[in-house]
Amino acid sequence: MAFLFDLLIAFLIVVGSVFLLVGSAGLIKLRDLMTRLHAPTKATTLGIGSVLLASMVHFIVVRGAVSVHEILIMVFLFLTAPVTAHFVAKAHLHEHMRDGSELPPTERDSGWSTFDPGPGAPGESGTRPGPRGDAED
């Protein structure tokens, strides 16, 4: 039975390492920030999650108890990685797009939420903020 757990732990570490390698290569090789965001937020997060899962299985088999540290790290990582990527992408859009008119249509009544106030939003005046958030009033 111990051999099966060792095999499972080794498999999780190898899978996690492959995801980490692919994520790191994507971070280096992809051409711009918006495509480069996918590498650390998806592949690398899954790689870290797999390695942490291997660590949890190891401590369950060796000590017979669940390690809370790995659970907390996984929760923190899976919560913060998408939020961080969202804010980096939003900052990039505001830095490099004048008013969002270069973006594809949303197929909704309202446009992109980072540039257009939603329908019924307070202060909706029909003017769009500039690239640094300075609205013309």
Foldseek 3Di string as FASTA:
>chain_A
DVVVLVVQLVVLLVQLVVLLVQLVVLCVPDDDDLSNLCSCLPSNLSSLLSNLVSVQSVCCVPVVDGDVVSVVVNVVSNVVSVVVSVVVVLLVCLQPPFQCPVPDAPPDPFGDVSFAPDVPDPPHDPWTATSVRHTDD
